[in-house]
């Protein structure tokens, strides 16, 4: 495999400027795609799912922890294993401090099919502090598209699902699977999957975040220990 061509600084700068124009075009296209994602319709969640976490039994509404949005990482952890999926583990390693999501009224949580008694020691081994729940043998994973049938056996794929809460009602707004998780992990990348987005005034559709609460603009970013949750 050959290494990049060696050139002068002026030649490099010219090539970089040419590439920059293409990068800006991709950024504008991504902004348009994210706006289209925020315009997706949403579906009421009519079933009552039960999870098990550190505080015992919890409903899907409980997973919001009082916030308006919820991003669920469908973490592949087979009920018969002692450890979780390596790819999902690498993904969870990338999740930053949750205070920045919380400031935008968004909760992040991992959900796996493994019993919570197996999740807990693995979570401690990995040093993770994110909320993590067991969905157990219920229908949550199948209902949100992470369970598939291959050669007569049930196989789980990694995924992310987003939910919005309005009063006592919960809505499913978006899901992505497999390679759809590539590039995720930062606060903005996760917010870009949600119906309310980054909650900044320049985002389309205009006024959505303001309609459900004061938007948090970029200049309001704080150190993670300075937020009032």
Foldseek 3Di string as FASTA:
>chain_A
DDDDDDDDPVVVVVVVVVVVVVVVVVVVVVLVVLLVLLVFDWAWDPDWAWKQFPVGIDTPVVQLVPFFKEKEKAWEDDQVDLETDPVSLVLQVLADDCLLVVLQRYAYEYEYQHQVVSVVVNCVVSVDDHTYIHSHPDCPQVVQPQWDADPRDIDGFIKMWMWGDDPPIIITRDMDTDCVCPPDRYSQNRLSNYSCHQQAQVHPPHPPSVVVHRGQHPVNDDPSVPDDD
